[in-house]
PDB file of N, CA and C in Angstrom:
ATOM      1  N   MET A   1       0.828  -1.188   0.000  1.00  0.00           N
ATOM      2  CA  MET A   1       0.007  -0.002   0.001  1.00  0.00           C
ATOM      3  C   MET A   1       0.875   1.252  -0.001  1.00  0.00           C
ATOM      4  N   MET A   2       0.585   2.173  -0.882  1.00  0.00           N
ATOM      5  CA  MET A   2       1.346   3.408  -1.003  1.00  0.00           C
ATOM      6  C   MET A   2       0.890   4.409   0.057  1.00  0.00           C
ATOM      7  N   SER A   3       1.831   5.091   0.650  1.00  0.00           N
ATOM      8  CA  SER A   3       1.526   6.144   1.609  1.00  0.00           C
ATOM      9  C   SER A   3       1.159   7.417   0.862  1.00  0.00           C
ATOM     10  N   GLU A   4       0.300   8.208   1.455  1.00  0.00           N
ATOM     11  CA  GLU A   4      -0.028   9.482   0.822  1.00  0.00           C
ATOM     12  C   GLU A   4       1.013  10.556   1.108  1.00  0.00           C
ATOM     13  N   PHE A   5       2.045  10.207   1.892  1.00  0.00           N
ATOM     14  CA  PHE A   5       3.085  11.141   2.236  1.00  0.00           C
ATOM     15  C   PHE A   5       4.469  10.547   1.921  1.00  0.00           C
ATOM     16  N   ASP A   6       5.410  11.429   1.578  1.00  0.00           N
ATOM     17  CA  ASP A   6       6.796  11.053   1.393  1.00  0.00           C
ATOM     18  C   ASP A   6       7.605  11.585   2.557  1.00  0.00           C
ATOM     19  N   TYR A   7       8.481  10.762   3.107  1.00  0.00           N
ATOM     20  CA  TYR A   7       9.357  11.166   4.216  1.00  0.00           C
ATOM     21  C   TYR A   7      10.748  11.366   3.654  1.00  0.00           C
ATOM     22  N   LEU A   8      11.267  12.591   3.759  1.00  0.00           N
ATOM     23  CA  LEU A   8      12.579  12.923   3.232  1.00  0.00           C
ATOM     24  C   LEU A   8      13.486  13.362   4.373  1.00  0.00           C
ATOM     25  N   GLN A   9      14.551  12.617   4.582  1.00  0.00           N
ATOM     26  CA  GLN A   9      15.524  12.970   5.618  1.00  0.00           C
ATOM     27  C   GLN A   9      16.603  13.834   4.965  1.00  0.00           C
ATOM     28  N   GLU A  10      16.823  15.001   5.530  1.00  0.00           N
ATOM     29  CA  GLU A  10      17.841  15.889   4.985  1.00  0.00           C
ATOM     30  C   GLU A  10      19.227  15.363   5.330  1.00  0.00           C
ATOM     31  N   VAL A  11      20.110  15.356   4.352  1.00  0.00           N
ATOM     32  CA  VAL A  11      21.484  14.899   4.551  1.00  0.00           C
ATOM     33  C   VAL A  11      22.494  15.957   4.098  1.00  0.00           C
ATOM     34  N   THR A  12      22.052  17.197   4.024  1.00  0.00           N
ATOM     35  CA  THR A  12      22.914  18.309   3.614  1.00  0.00           C
ATOM     36  C   THR A  12      24.072  18.448   4.597  1.00  0.00           C
ATOM     37  N   VAL A  13      25.272  18.672   4.056  1.00  0.00           N
ATOM     38  CA  VAL A  13      26.444  18.947   4.878  1.00  0.00           C
ATOM     39  C   VAL A  13      26.569  20.455   4.980  1.00  0.00           C
ATOM     40  N   TRP A  14      26.426  20.968   6.164  1.00  0.00           N
ATOM     41  CA  TRP A  14      26.452  22.417   6.408  1.00  0.00           C
ATOM     42  C   TRP A  14      27.835  22.849   6.895  1.00  0.00           C
ATOM     43  N   ASP A  15      28.880  22.582   6.104  1.00  0.00           N
ATOM     44  CA  ASP A  15      30.245  22.885   6.529  1.00  0.00           C
ATOM     45  C   ASP A  15      30.648  24.333   6.271  1.00  0.00           C
ATOM     46  N   GLU A  16      29.866  25.087   5.549  1.00  0.00           N
ATOM     47  CA  GLU A  16      30.235  26.476   5.246  1.00  0.00           C
ATOM     48  C   GLU A  16      29.525  27.477   6.152  1.00  0.00           C
ATOM     49  N   THR A  17      28.908  27.004   7.218  1.00  0.00           N
ATOM     50  CA  THR A  17      28.242  27.903   8.146  1.00  0.00           C
ATOM     51  C   THR A  17      29.045  27.990   9.442  1.00  0.00           C
ATOM     52  N   SER A  18      28.926  29.138  10.097  1.00  0.00           N
ATOM     53  CA  SER A  18      29.635  29.327  11.353  1.00  0.00           C
ATOM     54  C   SER A  18      28.778  28.924  12.547  1.00  0.00           C
ATOM     55  N   TYR A  19      27.604  28.378  12.274  1.00  0.00           N
ATOM     56  CA  TYR A  19      26.677  27.964  13.334  1.00  0.00           C
ATOM     57  C   TYR A  19      26.182  26.553  13.046  1.00  0.00           C
ATOM     58  N   SER A  20      25.551  25.948  14.030  1.00  0.00           N
ATOM     59  CA  SER A  20      25.068  24.571  13.890  1.00  0.00           C
ATOM     60  C   SER A  20      23.693  24.535  13.214  1.00  0.00           C
ATOM     61  N   VAL A  21      23.527  23.670  12.226  1.00  0.00           N
ATOM     62  CA  VAL A  21      22.266  23.486  11.524  1.00  0.00           C
ATOM     63  C   VAL A  21      21.851  22.025  11.668  1.00  0.00           C
ATOM     64  N   SER A  22      20.657  21.779  12.155  1.00  0.00           N
ATOM     65  CA  SER A  22      20.152  20.410  12.298  1.00  0.00           C
ATOM     66  C   SER A  22      19.445  19.957  11.026  1.00  0.00           C
ATOM     67  N   ASN A  23      19.655  18.716  10.641  1.00  0.00           N
ATOM     68  CA  ASN A  23      18.952  18.135   9.520  1.00  0.00           C
ATOM     69  C   ASN A  23      17.747  17.337  10.048  1.00  0.00           C
ATOM     70  N   HIS A  24      16.568  17.754   9.677  1.00  0.00           N
ATOM     71  CA  HIS A  24      15.338  17.108  10.140  1.00  0.00           C
ATOM     72  C   HIS A  24      14.782  16.171   9.057  1.00  0.00           C
ATOM     73  N   THR A  25      13.735  15.450   9.357  1.00  0.00           N
ATOM     74  CA  THR A  25      13.013  14.665   8.386  1.00  0.00           C
ATOM     75  C   THR A  25      11.748  15.418   8.040  1.00  0.00           C
ATOM     76  N   TYR A  26      11.510  15.613   6.767  1.00  0.00           N
ATOM     77  CA  TYR A  26      10.373  16.412   6.307  1.00  0.00           C
ATOM     78  C   TYR A  26       9.299  15.494   5.699  1.00  0.00           C
ATOM     79  N   ILE A  27       8.055  15.824   5.968  1.00  0.00           N
ATOM     80  CA  ILE A  27       6.912  15.042   5.492  1.00  0.00           C
ATOM     81  C   ILE A  27       6.216  15.846   4.413  1.00  0.00           C
ATOM     82  N   LEU A  28       6.277  15.336   3.188  1.00  0.00           N
ATOM     83  CA  LEU A  28       5.684  16.031   2.052  1.00  0.00           C
ATOM     84  C   LEU A  28       4.442  15.279   1.549  1.00  0.00           C
ATOM     85  N   ASN A  29       3.431  16.024   1.156  1.00  0.00           N
ATOM     86  CA  ASN A  29       2.257  15.390   0.522  1.00  0.00           C
ATOM     87  C   ASN A  29       2.592  15.120  -0.942  1.00  0.00           C
ATOM     88  N   LYS A  30       1.677  14.494  -1.651  1.00  0.00           N
ATOM     89  CA  LYS A  30       1.952  14.102  -3.044  1.00  0.00           C
ATOM     90  C   LYS A  30       2.102  15.298  -3.955  1.00  0.00           C
ATOM     91  N   ALA A  31       1.644  16.484  -3.536  1.00  0.00           N
ATOM     92  CA  ALA A  31       1.816  17.700  -4.321  1.00  0.00           C
ATOM     93  C   ALA A  31       3.181  18.364  -4.050  1.00  0.00           C
ATOM     94  N   GLY A  32       3.988  17.770  -3.159  1.00  0.00           N
ATOM     95  CA  GLY A  32       5.292  18.328  -2.850  1.00  0.00           C
ATOM     96  C   GLY A  32       5.262  19.444  -1.809  1.00  0.00           C
ATOM     97  N   GLN A  33       4.123  19.595  -1.150  1.00  0.00           N
ATOM     98  CA  GLN A  33       3.987  20.603  -0.109  1.00  0.00           C
ATOM     99  C   GLN A  33       4.360  20.035   1.245  1.00  0.00           C
ATOM    100  N   LEU A  34       4.957  20.865   2.083  1.00  0.00           N
ATOM    101  CA  LEU A  34       5.405  20.439   3.404  1.00  0.00           C
ATOM    102  C   LEU A  34       4.215  20.304   4.336  1.00  0.00           C
ATOM    103  N   ALA A  35       3.912  19.070   4.732  1.00  0.00           N
ATOM    104  CA  ALA A  35       2.772  18.800   5.595  1.00  0.00           C
ATOM    105  C   ALA A  35       3.183  18.697   7.072  1.00  0.00           C
ATOM    106  N   GLY A  36       4.458  18.404   7.317  1.00  0.00           N
ATOM    107  CA  GLY A  36       4.937  18.272   8.685  1.00  0.00           C
ATOM    108  C   GLY A  36       6.406  17.928   8.700  1.00  0.00           C
ATOM    109  N   TYR A  37       6.942  17.681   9.885  1.00  0.00           N
ATOM    110  CA  TYR A  37       8.356  17.328   9.998  1.00  0.00           C
ATOM    111  C   TYR A  37       8.587  16.558  11.285  1.00  0.00           C
ATOM    112  N   ILE A  38       9.762  15.946  11.353  1.00  0.00           N
ATOM    113  CA  ILE A  38      10.217  15.221  12.556  1.00  0.00           C
ATOM    114  C   ILE A  38      11.553  15.843  12.939  1.00  0.00           C
ATOM    115  N   LYS A  39      11.642  16.393  14.151  1.00  0.00           N
ATOM    116  CA  LYS A  39      12.892  17.001  14.600  1.00  0.00           C
ATOM    117  C   LYS A  39      13.994  15.956  14.669  1.00  0.00           C
ATOM    118  N   SER A  40      15.188  16.376  14.361  1.00  0.00           N
ATOM    119  CA  SER A  40      16.362  15.512  14.410  1.00  0.00           C
ATOM    120  C   SER A  40      16.512  14.933  15.815  1.00  0.00           C
ATOM    121  N   GLY A  41      16.732  13.625  15.902  1.00  0.00           N
ATOM    122  CA  GLY A  41      16.933  12.973  17.201  1.00  0.00           C
ATOM    123  C   GLY A  41      15.652  12.554  17.892  1.00  0.00           C
ATOM    124  N   THR A  42      14.477  12.804  17.260  1.00  0.00           N
ATOM    125  CA  THR A  42      13.208  12.403  17.837  1.00  0.00           C
ATOM    126  C   THR A  42      12.434  11.561  16.847  1.00  0.00           C
ATOM    127  N   SER A  43      11.284  11.048  17.258  1.00  0.00           N
ATOM    128  CA  SER A  43      10.433  10.293  16.339  1.00  0.00           C
ATOM    129  C   SER A  43       9.007  10.847  16.305  1.00  0.00           C
ATOM    130  N   ALA A  44       8.782  11.966  17.007  1.00  0.00           N
ATOM    131  CA  ALA A  44       7.446  12.567  17.052  1.00  0.00           C
ATOM    132  C   ALA A  44       7.184  13.374  15.788  1.00  0.00           C
ATOM    133  N   GLU A  45       6.067  13.086  15.127  1.00  0.00           N
ATOM    134  CA  GLU A  45       5.681  13.830  13.925  1.00  0.00           C
ATOM    135  C   GLU A  45       4.981  15.110  14.336  1.00  0.00           C
ATOM    136  N   ILE A  46       5.393  16.227  13.744  1.00  0.00           N
ATOM    137  CA  ILE A  46       4.766  17.522  13.988  1.00  0.00           C
ATOM    138  C   ILE A  46       4.064  17.913  12.687  1.00  0.00           C
ATOM    139  N   TRP A  47       2.734  18.046  12.731  1.00  0.00           N
ATOM    140  CA  TRP A  47       1.923  18.328  11.554  1.00  0.00           C
ATOM    141  C   TRP A  47       1.467  19.771  11.538  1.00  0.00           C
ATOM    142  N   PHE A  48       1.445  20.361  10.357  1.00  0.00           N
ATOM    143  CA  PHE A  48       0.934  21.720  10.187  1.00  0.00           C
ATOM    144  C   PHE A  48      -0.579  21.677   9.950  1.00  0.00           C
ATOM    145  N   LYS A  49      -1.277  22.759  10.307  1.00  0.00           N
ATOM    146  CA  LYS A  49      -2.729  22.819  10.089  1.00  0.00           C
ATOM    147  C   LYS A  49      -3.030  22.784   8.582  1.00  0.00           C
ATOM    148  N   SER A  50      -2.202  23.453   7.814  1.00  0.00           N
ATOM    149  CA  SER A  50      -2.323  23.408   6.357  1.00  0.00           C
ATOM    150  C   SER A  50      -0.912  23.318   5.771  1.00  0.00           C
ATOM    151  N   PRO A  51      -0.740  22.603   4.656  1.00  0.00           N
ATOM    152  CA  PRO A  51       0.598  22.398   4.073  1.00  0.00           C
ATOM    153  C   PRO A  51       1.260  23.706   3.681  1.00  0.00           C
ATOM    154  N   MET A  52       2.569  23.742   3.826  1.00  0.00           N
ATOM    155  CA  MET A  52       3.349  24.909   3.413  1.00  0.00           C
ATOM    156  C   MET A  52       3.688  24.733   1.937  1.00  0.00           C
ATOM    157  N   LYS A  53       3.162  25.594   1.104  1.00  0.00           N
ATOM    158  CA  LYS A  53       3.299  25.473  -0.336  1.00  0.00           C
ATOM    159  C   LYS A  53       4.637  25.959  -0.867  1.00  0.00           C
ATOM    160  N   GLN A  54       5.391  26.736  -0.084  1.00  0.00           N
ATOM    161  CA  GLN A  54       6.633  27.314  -0.563  1.00  0.00           C
ATOM    162  C   GLN A  54       7.865  26.574  -0.061  1.00  0.00           C
ATOM    163  N   PHE A  55       7.730  25.347   0.376  1.00  0.00           N
ATOM    164  CA  PHE A  55       8.868  24.543   0.792  1.00  0.00           C
ATOM    165  C   PHE A  55       9.750  24.270  -0.430  1.00  0.00           C
ATOM    166  N   SER A  56      11.041  24.474  -0.274  1.00  0.00           N
ATOM    167  CA  SER A  56      11.950  24.282  -1.410  1.00  0.00           C
ATOM    168  C   SER A  56      13.064  23.306  -1.039  1.00  0.00           C
ATOM    169  N   LYS A  57      13.376  22.409  -1.948  1.00  0.00           N
ATOM    170  CA  LYS A  57      14.468  21.455  -1.753  1.00  0.00           C
ATOM    171  C   LYS A  57      15.747  21.919  -2.413  1.00  0.00           C
ATOM    172  N   SER A  58      15.735  23.093  -3.011  1.00  0.00           N
ATOM    173  CA  SER A  58      16.928  23.570  -3.711  1.00  0.00           C
ATOM    174  C   SER A  58      18.082  23.817  -2.752  1.00  0.00           C
ATOM    175  N   ARG A  59      19.299  23.532  -3.225  1.00  0.00           N
ATOM    176  CA  ARG A  59      20.561  23.680  -2.489  1.00  0.00           C
ATOM    177  C   ARG A  59      20.661  22.809  -1.244  1.00  0.00           C
ATOM    178  N   ARG A  60      19.818  21.801  -1.164  1.00  0.00           N
ATOM    179  CA  ARG A  60      19.825  20.867  -0.040  1.00  0.00           C
ATOM    180  C   ARG A  60      19.803  19.457  -0.596  1.00  0.00           C
ATOM    181  N   LYS A  61      20.199  18.479   0.248  1.00  0.00           N
ATOM    182  CA  LYS A  61      20.219  17.073  -0.186  1.00  0.00           C
ATOM    183  C   LYS A  61      19.323  16.277   0.749  1.00  0.00           C
ATOM    184  N   PHE A  62      18.580  15.334   0.154  1.00  0.00           N
ATOM    185  CA  PHE A  62      17.640  14.516   0.912  1.00  0.00           C
ATOM    186  C   PHE A  62      17.757  13.067   0.473  1.00  0.00           C
ATOM    187  N   LYS A  63      17.341  12.182   1.377  1.00  0.00           N
ATOM    188  CA  LYS A  63      17.174  10.774   0.998  1.00  0.00           C
ATOM    189  C   LYS A  63      15.775  10.358   1.442  1.00  0.00           C
ATOM    190  N   ARG A  64      15.134   9.580   0.628  1.00  0.00           N
ATOM    191  CA  ARG A  64      13.786   9.085   0.951  1.00  0.00           C
ATOM    192  C   ARG A  64      13.904   7.998   2.004  1.00  0.00           C
ATOM    193  N   VAL A  65      13.093   8.089   3.060  1.00  0.00           N
ATOM    194  CA  VAL A  65      13.137   7.104   4.128  1.00  0.00           C
ATOM    195  C   VAL A  65      11.698   6.590   4.377  1.00  0.00           C
ATOM    196  N   ASN A  66      11.616   5.464   5.032  1.00  0.00           N
ATOM    197  CA  ASN A  66      10.327   4.925   5.416  1.00  0.00           C
ATOM    198  C   ASN A  66       9.785   5.674   6.596  1.00  0.00           C
ATOM    199  N   LYS A  67       8.479   5.648   6.766  1.00  0.00           N
ATOM    200  CA  LYS A  67       7.854   6.279   7.914  1.00  0.00           C
ATOM    201  C   LYS A  67       8.395   5.634   9.180  1.00  0.00           C
ATOM    202  N   PRO A  68       8.899   6.480  10.108  1.00  0.00           N
ATOM    203  CA  PRO A  68       9.436   5.902  11.350  1.00  0.00           C
ATOM    204  C   PRO A  68       8.322   5.293  12.194  1.00  0.00           C
ATOM    205  N   ASN A  69       8.681   4.306  12.978  1.00  0.00           N
ATOM    206  CA  ASN A  69       7.680   3.617  13.842  1.00  0.00           C
ATOM    207  C   ASN A  69       7.447   4.360  15.119  1.00  0.00           C
TER     208      ASN A  69
END
């Protein structure tokens, strides 16, 4: 059964910043809109009331992952 959401874990290397940047797991709907996210180091899904339509994957790297248990 196909999920209605894609889980993308960010794997961007932030070596050119002078501060710490966390890579989270992002939950996208089939339209590519950001529906929620999972903070790095946790498994709790945080959902938005309405999807964020301006989420951009440009200049970042992601890998598709299965929904965490």
